[in-house]
């Protein structure tokens, strides 16, 4: 069974950067859409970036466009989320999910977790 583990979260100041990793085990991420989602306390889940692993085509939410970049490393079976120029409103728990049968844009539009394989999440806190 596919298992995902996120890492790379932490506490940073506004304007700084972080790189999150979503490491897969048990199954290849080939032919999957992998999404990065975040959820802050009291807020709805948001799909920030979703990528099709086979060609790297990515979708970004407007809130992160130009600041976040997603990348796939097939050799390491890992998807990264590079987050630059972080803002306080980026503070949230970030989780990744891998799923087959959804396009990257449809995946990022999901507001539930009743699909795919999810990691446990990693906390990102942006504060001065």
Foldseek 3Di string as FASTA:
>chain_A
DKAWAKDWADEAAAQAKIKMKIFIPDDALQQKKKWKWWDDPPDFIFTAKIAHQPPGDMDGDPVQPPFWDWDHDRVRSMIMIIGGRDDQVVWTWMKMFIAHDDDRVVVRPDRDDPGGHIYPTDTHGYHD
